[in-house]
Amino acid sequence: MTSNESSTASLRNALAQLDEEIDQCNAHIQMLQQKRTDLSNKLQAVVYPILGLPVEITVEIFRHYVGTVSTIGGRRQSAASPLMLAAVCREWRTIAIAAPALWSEIRLEGEDVAEQGEMDRLLALHLARAQGHLLKVDAIRIRVLDGSLLQRLTDLSAQWEELSCQILPNNAFPKQSLQLPALRHLAITGEAFGASHNTAAASERLVAFSNVPALRTAYLSDFSLDMISLPWAQLFELDLCGLTARQYAAILAHTVNLRKLGINIRYAYGHEDLQTRPCVNAPSIMQLEVTGDDHSALDPIDLLALPGLKELKVVVPETSTRFDVL
């Protein structure tokens, strides 16, 4: 046998050995693939305990996870929300979409105009999935509530249960009285004292909340009596902020059924507002909390007669004269 024939034979043998090893490897791969398929089928057959819970309990767990509100916009847009729950699996998506309560408590955040489009899209999604459920809307952290965001919300004003928002002079908030049969709690802020009160006479009184049969609690910041119409006699709890002592007294003259009052004075206005010192008799008030930056926060107390008062809380800096008015 020549050397060439010997060399060719050895190459054929080596190639045959490689083919045999490849066949063995392919057989091993097929075996592993079959094992993987079997394990995958077993895994698919596993019923996770949470998927076996009654839907009502699962929804309650979801509500605790989501928390009090679902944030739309701002840096916390990716925080716990029903959108995240709906993205976990098919079963959770079905449950989340079928639970209007998960989508009914909404917080709007952000001042960037560029975010408005995405916020509008997400708000529309939440409102659609909330269906006819009562809504709790917190828009206090968005600088301007107008345009499509405001329109979407006011279209569903009959479903408002709680509303918090900032209303600035000459904004797009509805000028007419809204239909608000379910609104129980209202929190609105205006401009800071120096701006809003200088323009109060020129600004149109806000009448959107003049007919709210279920309203019982309210928070008003920088809104005096001549700036807003409310069913004052219905209120049981009221927090006021950013007004003068006389303006507090003017409002309290109309809240004849008030049980709990909170007063926050952020600035010292001097005593020009107290020269005539009209006294408001408020026998229904049983709880009073006064907070402020200095002892002038106690000035409104000097204008009130509270024969039914049972609980008083004062939060002002320590001064030698802070309790003289008491």
C-alpha atoms as a PDB file:
ATOM      1  CA  MET A   1       0.000   0.000   0.000  1.00  0.00           C
ATOM      2  CA  THR A   2       1.374   3.339  -1.011  1.00  0.00           C
ATOM      3  CA  SER A   3       1.783   6.194   1.374  1.00  0.00           C
ATOM      4  CA  ASN A   4      -0.969   8.130  -0.401  1.00  0.00           C
ATOM      5  CA  GLU A   5      -3.431   5.271   0.000  1.00  0.00           C
ATOM      6  CA  SER A   6      -2.503   4.978   3.692  1.00  0.00           C
ATOM      7  CA  SER A   7      -3.024   8.698   4.236  1.00  0.00           C
ATOM      8  CA  THR A   8      -6.435   8.652   2.490  1.00  0.00           C
ATOM      9  CA  ALA A   9      -7.616   5.702   4.579  1.00  0.00           C
ATOM     10  CA  SER A  10      -6.665   7.398   7.848  1.00  0.00           C
ATOM     11  CA  LEU A  11      -8.540  10.548   6.832  1.00  0.00           C
ATOM     12  CA  ARG A  12     -11.639   8.536   6.034  1.00  0.00           C
ATOM     13  CA  ASN A  13     -11.418   6.827   9.423  1.00  0.00           C
ATOM     14  CA  ALA A  14     -11.064  10.144  11.216  1.00  0.00           C
ATOM     15  CA  LEU A  15     -14.034  11.573   9.327  1.00  0.00           C
ATOM     16  CA  ALA A  16     -16.118   8.502  10.182  1.00  0.00           C
ATOM     17  CA  GLN A  17     -15.249   8.923  13.854  1.00  0.00           C
ATOM     18  CA  LEU A  18     -16.310  12.582  13.756  1.00  0.00           C
ATOM     19  CA  ASP A  19     -19.607  11.666  12.102  1.00  0.00           C
ATOM     20  CA  GLU A  20     -20.204   9.096  14.817  1.00  0.00           C
ATOM     21  CA  GLU A  21     -19.496  11.643  17.551  1.00  0.00           C
ATOM     22  CA  ILE A  22     -21.834  14.138  15.855  1.00  0.00           C
ATOM     23  CA  ASP A  23     -24.587  11.526  15.747  1.00  0.00           C
ATOM     24  CA  GLN A  24     -24.051  10.835  19.442  1.00  0.00           C
ATOM     25  CA  CYS A  25     -24.165  14.560  20.236  1.00  0.00           C
ATOM     26  CA  ASN A  26     -27.345  14.999  18.201  1.00  0.00           C
ATOM     27  CA  ALA A  27     -28.938  12.083  20.014  1.00  0.00           C
ATOM     28  CA  HIS A  28     -27.948  13.632  23.333  1.00  0.00           C
ATOM     29  CA  ILE A  29     -29.365  17.005  22.295  1.00  0.00           C
ATOM     30  CA  GLN A  30     -32.640  15.368  21.276  1.00  0.00           C
ATOM     31  CA  MET A  31     -32.788  13.644  24.645  1.00  0.00           C
ATOM     32  CA  LEU A  32     -32.198  16.955  26.461  1.00  0.00           C
ATOM     33  CA  GLN A  33     -34.823  18.683  24.325  1.00  0.00           C
ATOM     34  CA  GLN A  34     -37.325  16.000  25.215  1.00  0.00           C
ATOM     35  CA  LYS A  35     -36.506  16.372  28.912  1.00  0.00           C
ATOM     36  CA  ARG A  36     -36.962  20.127  28.602  1.00  0.00           C
ATOM     37  CA  THR A  37     -40.325  19.658  26.905  1.00  0.00           C
ATOM     38  CA  ASP A  38     -41.455  17.291  29.653  1.00  0.00           C
ATOM     39  CA  LEU A  39     -40.374  19.696  32.413  1.00  0.00           C
ATOM     40  CA  SER A  40     -42.024  22.624  30.640  1.00  0.00           C
ATOM     41  CA  ASN A  41     -45.287  20.711  30.365  1.00  0.00           C
ATOM     42  CA  LYS A  42     -45.126  19.853  34.071  1.00  0.00           C
ATOM     43  CA  LEU A  43     -44.437  23.508  34.921  1.00  0.00           C
ATOM     44  CA  GLN A  44     -47.378  24.642  32.827  1.00  0.00           C
ATOM     45  CA  ALA A  45     -49.552  22.195  34.706  1.00  0.00           C
ATOM     46  CA  VAL A  46     -48.598  23.689  38.074  1.00  0.00           C
ATOM     47  CA  VAL A  47     -51.411  25.775  39.612  1.00  0.00           C
ATOM     48  CA  TYR A  48     -49.856  28.627  41.573  1.00  0.00           C
ATOM     49  CA  PRO A  49     -51.577  29.151  44.917  1.00  0.00           C
ATOM     50  CA  ILE A  50     -52.423  32.805  44.180  1.00  0.00           C
ATOM     51  CA  LEU A  51     -54.168  31.809  40.940  1.00  0.00           C
ATOM     52  CA  GLY A  52     -56.340  29.471  42.978  1.00  0.00           C
ATOM     53  CA  LEU A  53     -57.615  32.250  45.250  1.00  0.00           C
ATOM     54  CA  PRO A  54     -61.133  33.605  44.822  1.00  0.00           C
ATOM     55  CA  VAL A  55     -61.135  36.607  42.502  1.00  0.00           C
ATOM     56  CA  GLU A  56     -62.430  38.883  45.267  1.00  0.00           C
ATOM     57  CA  ILE A  57     -59.418  38.098  47.470  1.00  0.00           C
ATOM     58  CA  THR A  58     -57.019  38.549  44.565  1.00  0.00           C
ATOM     59  CA  VAL A  59     -58.527  41.968  43.823  1.00  0.00           C
ATOM     60  CA  GLU A  60     -58.127  42.965  47.462  1.00  0.00           C
ATOM     61  CA  ILE A  61     -54.450  41.939  47.353  1.00  0.00           C
ATOM     62  CA  PHE A  62     -54.071  43.982  44.179  1.00  0.00           C
ATOM     63  CA  ARG A  63     -55.615  47.009  45.887  1.00  0.00           C
ATOM     64  CA  HIS A  64     -53.134  46.781  48.747  1.00  0.00           C
ATOM     65  CA  TYR A  65     -50.279  46.509  46.249  1.00  0.00           C
ATOM     66  CA  VAL A  66     -51.435  49.470  44.204  1.00  0.00           C
ATOM     67  CA  GLY A  67     -51.944  51.515  47.371  1.00  0.00           C
ATOM     68  CA  THR A  68     -54.297  54.459  47.729  1.00  0.00           C
ATOM     69  CA  VAL A  69     -53.834  55.855  44.233  1.00  0.00           C
ATOM     70  CA  SER A  70     -52.373  55.091  40.831  1.00  0.00           C
ATOM     71  CA  THR A  71     -49.889  57.786  39.839  1.00  0.00           C
ATOM     72  CA  ILE A  72     -49.976  59.069  36.280  1.00  0.00           C
ATOM     73  CA  GLY A  73     -47.042  61.185  35.156  1.00  0.00           C
ATOM     74  CA  GLY A  74     -43.991  62.396  37.040  1.00  0.00           C
ATOM     75  CA  ARG A  75     -41.117  60.249  38.235  1.00  0.00           C
ATOM     76  CA  ARG A  76     -43.368  57.736  39.952  1.00  0.00           C
ATOM     77  CA  GLN A  77     -45.236  56.741  36.837  1.00  0.00           C
ATOM     78  CA  SER A  78     -43.543  53.313  36.935  1.00  0.00           C
ATOM     79  CA  ALA A  79     -44.404  52.765  40.607  1.00  0.00           C
ATOM     80  CA  ALA A  80     -46.958  50.218  41.750  1.00  0.00           C
ATOM     81  CA  SER A  81     -49.975  50.520  39.487  1.00  0.00           C
ATOM     82  CA  PRO A  82     -52.679  48.336  37.968  1.00  0.00           C
ATOM     83  CA  LEU A  83     -50.800  48.604  34.667  1.00  0.00           C
ATOM     84  CA  MET A  84     -47.936  46.591  36.172  1.00  0.00           C
ATOM     85  CA  LEU A  85     -50.317  43.975  37.541  1.00  0.00           C
ATOM     86  CA  ALA A  86     -52.006  43.634  34.163  1.00  0.00           C
ATOM     87  CA  ALA A  87     -48.623  42.949  32.535  1.00  0.00           C
ATOM     88  CA  VAL A  88     -47.658  39.958  34.719  1.00  0.00           C
ATOM     89  CA  CYS A  89     -49.735  37.218  33.125  1.00  0.00           C
ATOM     90  CA  ARG A  90     -52.965  36.551  31.272  1.00  0.00           C
ATOM     91  CA  GLU A  91     -54.895  35.637  34.416  1.00  0.00           C
ATOM     92  CA  TRP A  92     -53.832  38.746  36.329  1.00  0.00           C
ATOM     93  CA  ARG A  93     -54.578  40.949  33.343  1.00  0.00           C
ATOM     94  CA  THR A  94     -58.102  39.566  33.154  1.00  0.00           C
ATOM     95  CA  ILE A  95     -58.647  40.128  36.878  1.00  0.00           C
ATOM     96  CA  ALA A  96     -57.148  43.641  36.901  1.00  0.00           C
ATOM     97  CA  ILE A  97     -59.108  44.874  33.898  1.00  0.00           C
ATOM     98  CA  ALA A  98     -62.322  43.484  35.384  1.00  0.00           C
ATOM     99  CA  ALA A  99     -61.797  45.358  38.701  1.00  0.00           C
ATOM    100  CA  PRO A 100     -62.879  49.015  38.221  1.00  0.00           C
ATOM    101  CA  ALA A 101     -61.849  49.916  41.783  1.00  0.00           C
ATOM    102  CA  LEU A 102     -58.178  49.415  40.848  1.00  0.00           C
ATOM    103  CA  TRP A 103     -58.407  52.175  38.235  1.00  0.00           C
ATOM    104  CA  SER A 104     -60.665  54.619  40.059  1.00  0.00           C
ATOM    105  CA  GLU A 105     -58.156  56.336  42.388  1.00  0.00           C
ATOM    106  CA  ILE A 106     -55.908  58.533  40.292  1.00  0.00           C
ATOM    107  CA  ARG A 107     -53.083  60.984  40.998  1.00  0.00           C
ATOM    108  CA  LEU A 108     -51.846  63.289  38.249  1.00  0.00           C
ATOM    109  CA  GLU A 109     -48.280  64.548  38.576  1.00  0.00           C
ATOM    110  CA  GLY A 110     -45.928  66.632  36.495  1.00  0.00           C
ATOM    111  CA  GLU A 111     -45.295  70.124  35.152  1.00  0.00           C
ATOM    112  CA  ASP A 112     -43.597  69.184  31.882  1.00  0.00           C
ATOM    113  CA  VAL A 113     -45.811  70.033  28.916  1.00  0.00           C
ATOM    114  CA  ALA A 114     -44.111  67.220  26.994  1.00  0.00           C
ATOM    115  CA  GLU A 115     -45.717  64.732  29.402  1.00  0.00           C
ATOM    116  CA  GLN A 116     -49.253  65.907  28.692  1.00  0.00           C
ATOM    117  CA  GLY A 117     -49.826  63.565  25.753  1.00  0.00           C
ATOM    118  CA  GLU A 118     -48.766  60.454  27.643  1.00  0.00           C
ATOM    119  CA  MET A 119     -50.675  61.562  30.750  1.00  0.00           C
ATOM    120  CA  ASP A 120     -53.788  62.088  28.644  1.00  0.00           C
ATOM    121  CA  ARG A 121     -53.456  58.598  27.148  1.00  0.00           C
ATOM    122  CA  LEU A 122     -53.010  56.937  30.540  1.00  0.00           C
ATOM    123  CA  LEU A 123     -55.825  58.973  32.104  1.00  0.00           C
ATOM    124  CA  ALA A 124     -58.171  57.919  29.306  1.00  0.00           C
ATOM    125  CA  LEU A 125     -57.172  54.282  29.907  1.00  0.00           C
ATOM    126  CA  HIS A 126     -57.778  54.520  33.661  1.00  0.00           C
ATOM    127  CA  LEU A 127     -61.139  56.242  33.265  1.00  0.00           C
ATOM    128  CA  ALA A 128     -62.300  53.690  30.699  1.00  0.00           C
ATOM    129  CA  ARG A 129     -61.362  50.778  32.962  1.00  0.00           C
ATOM    130  CA  ALA A 130     -62.877  52.471  36.019  1.00  0.00           C
ATOM    131  CA  GLN A 131     -66.191  52.220  34.170  1.00  0.00           C
ATOM    132  CA  GLY A 132     -68.963  53.658  36.353  1.00  0.00           C
ATOM    133  CA  HIS A 133     -67.023  53.379  39.628  1.00  0.00           C
ATOM    134  CA  LEU A 134     -66.816  56.488  41.817  1.00  0.00           C
ATOM    135  CA  LEU A 135     -63.570  58.381  41.221  1.00  0.00           C
ATOM    136  CA  LYS A 136     -60.998  59.798  43.620  1.00  0.00           C
ATOM    137  CA  VAL A 137     -58.845  62.262  41.689  1.00  0.00           C
ATOM    138  CA  ASP A 138     -55.762  64.011  43.074  1.00  0.00           C
ATOM    139  CA  ALA A 139     -54.511  66.636  40.627  1.00  0.00           C
ATOM    140  CA  ILE A 140     -52.948  68.917  43.220  1.00  0.00           C
ATOM    141  CA  ARG A 141     -49.432  68.117  41.950  1.00  0.00           C
ATOM    142  CA  ILE A 142     -50.021  69.138  38.376  1.00  0.00           C
ATOM    143  CA  ARG A 143     -49.394  72.796  37.702  1.00  0.00           C
ATOM    144  CA  VAL A 144     -52.190  73.442  35.226  1.00  0.00           C
ATOM    145  CA  LEU A 145     -55.228  71.195  34.948  1.00  0.00           C
ATOM    146  CA  ASP A 146     -56.699  72.114  31.589  1.00  0.00           C
ATOM    147  CA  GLY A 147     -57.085  70.958  28.004  1.00  0.00           C
ATOM    148  CA  SER A 148     -57.914  67.324  27.352  1.00  0.00           C
ATOM    149  CA  LEU A 149     -57.014  66.262  30.906  1.00  0.00           C
ATOM    150  CA  LEU A 150     -59.593  68.615  32.402  1.00  0.00           C
ATOM    151  CA  GLN A 151     -62.171  67.761  29.749  1.00  0.00           C
ATOM    152  CA  ARG A 152     -61.874  64.028  30.392  1.00  0.00           C
ATOM    153  CA  LEU A 153     -62.366  64.563  34.120  1.00  0.00           C
ATOM    154  CA  THR A 154     -65.246  67.027  33.912  1.00  0.00           C
ATOM    155  CA  ASP A 155     -67.058  64.735  31.475  1.00  0.00           C
ATOM    156  CA  LEU A 156     -67.232  62.278  34.388  1.00  0.00           C
ATOM    157  CA  SER A 157     -67.867  64.823  37.173  1.00  0.00           C
ATOM    158  CA  ALA A 158     -70.975  62.885  38.229  1.00  0.00           C
ATOM    159  CA  GLN A 159     -68.617  60.070  39.322  1.00  0.00           C
ATOM    160  CA  TRP A 160     -66.311  62.257  41.437  1.00  0.00           C
ATOM    161  CA  GLU A 161     -66.220  61.126  45.048  1.00  0.00           C
ATOM    162  CA  GLU A 162     -63.090  63.041  46.030  1.00  0.00           C
ATOM    163  CA  LEU A 163     -61.303  65.797  44.133  1.00  0.00           C
ATOM    164  CA  SER A 164     -58.049  67.655  44.853  1.00  0.00           C
ATOM    165  CA  CYS A 165     -56.768  70.223  42.390  1.00  0.00           C
ATOM    166  CA  GLN A 166     -55.214  73.635  41.910  1.00  0.00           C
ATOM    167  CA  ILE A 167     -57.424  76.272  40.329  1.00  0.00           C
ATOM    168  CA  LEU A 168     -55.659  79.424  39.199  1.00  0.00           C
ATOM    169  CA  PRO A 169     -57.304  82.687  38.066  1.00  0.00           C
ATOM    170  CA  ASN A 170     -58.490  82.732  34.463  1.00  0.00           C
ATOM    171  CA  ASN A 171     -57.819  79.038  33.905  1.00  0.00           C
ATOM    172  CA  ALA A 172     -60.026  76.733  31.899  1.00  0.00           C
ATOM    173  CA  PHE A 173     -61.970  75.298  34.851  1.00  0.00           C
ATOM    174  CA  PRO A 174     -65.714  75.228  34.117  1.00  0.00           C
ATOM    175  CA  LYS A 175     -67.463  78.514  34.907  1.00  0.00           C
ATOM    176  CA  GLN A 176     -70.878  76.916  35.351  1.00  0.00           C
ATOM    177  CA  SER A 177     -72.123  74.734  38.191  1.00  0.00           C
ATOM    178  CA  LEU A 178     -71.168  71.085  37.691  1.00  0.00           C
ATOM    179  CA  GLN A 179     -73.325  68.057  38.383  1.00  0.00           C
ATOM    180  CA  LEU A 180     -71.621  66.530  41.417  1.00  0.00           C
ATOM    181  CA  PRO A 181     -74.058  64.172  43.132  1.00  0.00           C
ATOM    182  CA  ALA A 182     -71.389  61.937  44.706  1.00  0.00           C
ATOM    183  CA  LEU A 183     -68.623  64.396  45.695  1.00  0.00           C
ATOM    184  CA  ARG A 184     -67.923  64.017  49.420  1.00  0.00           C
ATOM    185  CA  HIS A 185     -64.493  65.634  49.790  1.00  0.00           C
ATOM    186  CA  LEU A 186     -63.076  68.668  47.996  1.00  0.00           C
ATOM    187  CA  ALA A 187     -59.553  70.108  48.265  1.00  0.00           C
ATOM    188  CA  ILE A 188     -58.600  73.081  46.120  1.00  0.00           C
ATOM    189  CA  THR A 189     -55.730  75.542  46.203  1.00  0.00           C
ATOM    190  CA  GLY A 190     -55.397  78.887  44.493  1.00  0.00           C
ATOM    191  CA  GLU A 191     -52.553  81.317  44.061  1.00  0.00           C
ATOM    192  CA  ALA A 192     -50.550  82.532  47.036  1.00  0.00           C
ATOM    193  CA  PHE A 193     -52.110  85.296  49.097  1.00  0.00           C
ATOM    194  CA  GLY A 194     -50.334  88.227  47.482  1.00  0.00           C
ATOM    195  CA  ALA A 195     -51.385  87.395  43.926  1.00  0.00           C
ATOM    196  CA  SER A 196     -54.810  85.844  44.313  1.00  0.00           C
ATOM    197  CA  HIS A 197     -56.221  88.367  46.753  1.00  0.00           C
ATOM    198  CA  ASN A 198     -55.041  91.340  44.772  1.00  0.00           C
ATOM    199  CA  THR A 199     -56.941  90.017  41.767  1.00  0.00           C
ATOM    200  CA  ALA A 200     -59.929  88.599  43.631  1.00  0.00           C
ATOM    201  CA  ALA A 201     -62.226  91.435  42.670  1.00  0.00           C
ATOM    202  CA  ALA A 202     -61.408  91.019  38.991  1.00  0.00           C
ATOM    203  CA  SER A 203     -61.612  87.225  39.011  1.00  0.00           C
ATOM    204  CA  GLU A 204     -64.961  85.552  38.448  1.00  0.00           C
ATOM    205  CA  ARG A 205     -66.299  83.691  41.450  1.00  0.00           C
ATOM    206  CA  LEU A 206     -65.902  79.927  41.131  1.00  0.00           C
ATOM    207  CA  VAL A 207     -69.395  78.413  41.074  1.00  0.00           C
ATOM    208  CA  ALA A 208     -68.544  74.939  39.788  1.00  0.00           C
ATOM    209  CA  PHE A 209     -69.020  73.486  43.304  1.00  0.00           C
ATOM    210  CA  SER A 210     -72.099  75.453  44.351  1.00  0.00           C
ATOM    211  CA  ASN A 211     -74.445  72.451  44.134  1.00  0.00           C
ATOM    212  CA  VAL A 212     -72.813  69.460  45.835  1.00  0.00           C
ATOM    213  CA  PRO A 213     -75.418  67.634  47.934  1.00  0.00           C
ATOM    214  CA  ALA A 214     -73.029  65.009  49.373  1.00  0.00           C
ATOM    215  CA  LEU A 215     -70.154  67.341  50.254  1.00  0.00           C
ATOM    216  CA  ARG A 216     -69.147  67.077  53.921  1.00  0.00           C
ATOM    217  CA  THR A 217     -65.403  67.813  54.107  1.00  0.00           C
ATOM    218  CA  ALA A 218     -63.311  70.456  52.357  1.00  0.00           C
ATOM    219  CA  TYR A 219     -59.824  71.937  52.261  1.00  0.00           C
ATOM    220  CA  LEU A 220     -59.389  75.451  50.870  1.00  0.00           C
ATOM    221  CA  SER A 221     -56.068  77.218  50.396  1.00  0.00           C
ATOM    222  CA  ASP A 222     -56.013  80.854  49.254  1.00  0.00           C
ATOM    223  CA  PHE A 223     -59.738  80.915  48.525  1.00  0.00           C
ATOM    224  CA  SER A 224     -61.768  83.517  50.405  1.00  0.00           C
ATOM    225  CA  LEU A 225     -65.549  83.686  50.682  1.00  0.00           C
ATOM    226  CA  ASP A 226     -65.908  86.058  47.728  1.00  0.00           C
ATOM    227  CA  MET A 227     -63.865  83.774  45.445  1.00  0.00           C
ATOM    228  CA  ILE A 228     -65.859  80.531  45.657  1.00  0.00           C
ATOM    229  CA  SER A 229     -69.420  79.345  46.133  1.00  0.00           C
ATOM    230  CA  LEU A 230     -69.848  76.258  48.282  1.00  0.00           C
ATOM    231  CA  PRO A 231     -72.747  74.714  50.216  1.00  0.00           C
ATOM    232  CA  TRP A 232     -71.139  75.913  53.440  1.00  0.00           C
ATOM    233  CA  ALA A 233     -73.959  74.784  55.726  1.00  0.00           C
ATOM    234  CA  GLN A 234     -73.419  71.130  54.681  1.00  0.00           C
ATOM    235  CA  LEU A 235     -69.804  70.966  55.797  1.00  0.00           C
ATOM    236  CA  PHE A 236     -68.854  68.961  58.871  1.00  0.00           C
ATOM    237  CA  GLU A 237     -65.065  69.282  58.488  1.00  0.00           C
ATOM    238  CA  LEU A 238     -63.171  72.221  57.026  1.00  0.00           C
ATOM    239  CA  ASP A 239     -59.481  73.100  56.716  1.00  0.00           C
ATOM    240  CA  LEU A 240     -58.561  76.657  55.717  1.00  0.00           C
ATOM    241  CA  CYS A 241     -55.161  77.975  54.722  1.00  0.00           C
ATOM    242  CA  GLY A 242     -53.613  81.178  53.421  1.00  0.00           C
ATOM    243  CA  LEU A 243     -56.280  83.713  54.504  1.00  0.00           C
ATOM    244  CA  THR A 244     -56.425  86.605  56.924  1.00  0.00           C
ATOM    245  CA  ALA A 245     -58.204  86.314  60.255  1.00  0.00           C
ATOM    246  CA  ARG A 246     -61.158  88.363  59.005  1.00  0.00           C
ATOM    247  CA  GLN A 247     -61.490  86.149  55.920  1.00  0.00           C
ATOM    248  CA  TYR A 248     -61.534  83.063  58.107  1.00  0.00           C
ATOM    249  CA  ALA A 249     -64.295  84.619  60.181  1.00  0.00           C
ATOM    250  CA  ALA A 250     -66.311  85.492  57.058  1.00  0.00           C
ATOM    251  CA  ILE A 251     -66.331  81.867  55.952  1.00  0.00           C
ATOM    252  CA  LEU A 252     -67.071  80.489  59.414  1.00  0.00           C
ATOM    253  CA  ALA A 253     -70.140  82.687  59.666  1.00  0.00           C
ATOM    254  CA  HIS A 254     -71.682  80.448  56.991  1.00  0.00           C
ATOM    255  CA  THR A 255     -70.537  77.010  58.240  1.00  0.00           C
ATOM    256  CA  VAL A 256     -73.280  76.630  60.802  1.00  0.00           C
ATOM    257  CA  ASN A 257     -72.995  72.830  61.111  1.00  0.00           C
ATOM    258  CA  LEU A 258     -69.215  72.524  61.237  1.00  0.00           C
ATOM    259  CA  ARG A 259     -67.830  69.960  63.700  1.00  0.00           C
ATOM    260  CA  LYS A 260     -64.099  70.070  63.001  1.00  0.00           C
ATOM    261  CA  LEU A 261     -62.055  73.105  61.925  1.00  0.00           C
ATOM    262  CA  GLY A 262     -58.415  73.408  60.908  1.00  0.00           C
ATOM    263  CA  ILE A 263     -56.760  76.803  60.407  1.00  0.00           C
ATOM    264  CA  ASN A 264     -53.295  77.302  58.946  1.00  0.00           C
ATOM    265  CA  ILE A 265     -51.809  80.795  58.763  1.00  0.00           C
ATOM    266  CA  ARG A 266     -48.573  80.907  56.825  1.00  0.00           C
ATOM    267  CA  TYR A 267     -47.873  84.644  57.007  1.00  0.00           C
ATOM    268  CA  ALA A 268     -48.127  87.489  59.478  1.00  0.00           C
ATOM    269  CA  TYR A 269     -50.617  90.064  58.219  1.00  0.00           C
ATOM    270  CA  GLY A 270     -50.398  92.584  61.014  1.00  0.00           C
ATOM    271  CA  HIS A 271     -53.385  93.772  63.042  1.00  0.00           C
ATOM    272  CA  GLU A 272     -55.154  96.001  60.534  1.00  0.00           C
ATOM    273  CA  ASP A 273     -57.567  93.151  59.930  1.00  0.00           C
ATOM    274  CA  LEU A 274     -58.622  92.929  63.556  1.00  0.00           C
ATOM    275  CA  GLN A 275     -59.448  96.577  64.330  1.00  0.00           C
ATOM    276  CA  THR A 276     -63.201  96.056  64.580  1.00  0.00           C
ATOM    277  CA  ARG A 277     -62.924  92.422  65.648  1.00  0.00           C
ATOM    278  CA  PRO A 278     -66.306  90.958  64.599  1.00  0.00           C
ATOM    279  CA  CYS A 279     -67.079  87.849  66.617  1.00  0.00           C
ATOM    280  CA  VAL A 280     -68.449  84.667  65.039  1.00  0.00           C
ATOM    281  CA  ASN A 281     -70.423  82.363  67.294  1.00  0.00           C
ATOM    282  CA  ALA A 282     -69.777  78.751  66.226  1.00  0.00           C
ATOM    283  CA  PRO A 283     -71.416  76.467  68.799  1.00  0.00           C
ATOM    284  CA  SER A 284     -71.245  73.376  66.573  1.00  0.00           C
ATOM    285  CA  ILE A 285     -67.425  73.267  66.400  1.00  0.00           C
ATOM    286  CA  MET A 286     -66.041  70.597  68.731  1.00  0.00           C
ATOM    287  CA  GLN A 287     -62.483  70.232  67.387  1.00  0.00           C
ATOM    288  CA  LEU A 288     -60.111  73.046  66.449  1.00  0.00           C
ATOM    289  CA  GLU A 289     -56.526  72.806  65.180  1.00  0.00           C
ATOM    290  CA  VAL A 290     -54.499  75.964  64.594  1.00  0.00           C
ATOM    291  CA  THR A 291     -51.088  75.918  62.924  1.00  0.00           C
ATOM    292  CA  GLY A 292     -48.823  78.693  61.736  1.00  0.00           C
ATOM    293  CA  ASP A 293     -45.380  80.203  61.492  1.00  0.00           C
ATOM    294  CA  ASP A 294     -45.756  82.512  64.493  1.00  0.00           C
ATOM    295  CA  HIS A 295     -48.184  83.528  67.236  1.00  0.00           C
ATOM    296  CA  SER A 296     -50.313  85.523  64.734  1.00  0.00           C
ATOM    297  CA  ALA A 297     -51.748  82.142  63.741  1.00  0.00           C
ATOM    298  CA  LEU A 298     -53.875  82.474  66.880  1.00  0.00           C
ATOM    299  CA  ASP A 299     -55.516  85.696  65.667  1.00  0.00           C
ATOM    300  CA  PRO A 300     -58.571  83.913  64.191  1.00  0.00           C
ATOM    301  CA  ILE A 301     -59.346  82.430  67.600  1.00  0.00           C
ATOM    302  CA  ASP A 302     -59.863  85.966  68.866  1.00  0.00           C
ATOM    303  CA  LEU A 303     -62.748  86.292  66.390  1.00  0.00           C
ATOM    304  CA  LEU A 304     -64.478  83.053  67.396  1.00  0.00           C
ATOM    305  CA  ALA A 305     -66.817  82.052  70.189  1.00  0.00           C
ATOM    306  CA  LEU A 306     -66.693  78.271  70.519  1.00  0.00           C
ATOM    307  CA  PRO A 307     -68.937  77.196  73.414  1.00  0.00           C
ATOM    308  CA  GLY A 308     -69.038  73.568  72.228  1.00  0.00           C
ATOM    309  CA  LEU A 309     -65.274  73.134  71.824  1.00  0.00           C
ATOM    310  CA  LYS A 310     -63.967  69.863  73.238  1.00  0.00           C
ATOM    311  CA  GLU A 311     -60.535  69.512  71.657  1.00  0.00           C
ATOM    312  CA  LEU A 312     -57.966  72.208  70.853  1.00  0.00           C
ATOM    313  CA  LYS A 313     -54.620  71.620  69.155  1.00  0.00           C
ATOM    314  CA  VAL A 314     -52.175  74.494  68.674  1.00  0.00           C
ATOM    315  CA  VAL A 315     -49.048  74.106  66.539  1.00  0.00           C
ATOM    316  CA  VAL A 316     -47.082  77.372  66.540  1.00  0.00           C
ATOM    317  CA  PRO A 317     -43.490  78.240  67.482  1.00  0.00           C
ATOM    318  CA  GLU A 318     -42.700  78.723  71.148  1.00  0.00           C
ATOM    319  CA  THR A 319     -43.176  82.371  72.186  1.00  0.00           C
ATOM    320  CA  SER A 320     -43.999  84.003  75.486  1.00  0.00           C
ATOM    321  CA  THR A 321     -47.232  85.487  74.095  1.00  0.00           C
ATOM    322  CA  ARG A 322     -48.537  82.649  71.962  1.00  0.00           C
ATOM    323  CA  PHE A 323     -51.290  81.687  74.422  1.00  0.00           C
ATOM    324  CA  ASP A 324     -52.281  85.174  75.555  1.00  0.00           C
ATOM    325  CA  VAL A 325     -55.262  85.158  73.220  1.00  0.00           C
ATOM    326  CA  LEU A 326     -56.519  81.977  74.848  1.00  0.00           C
END
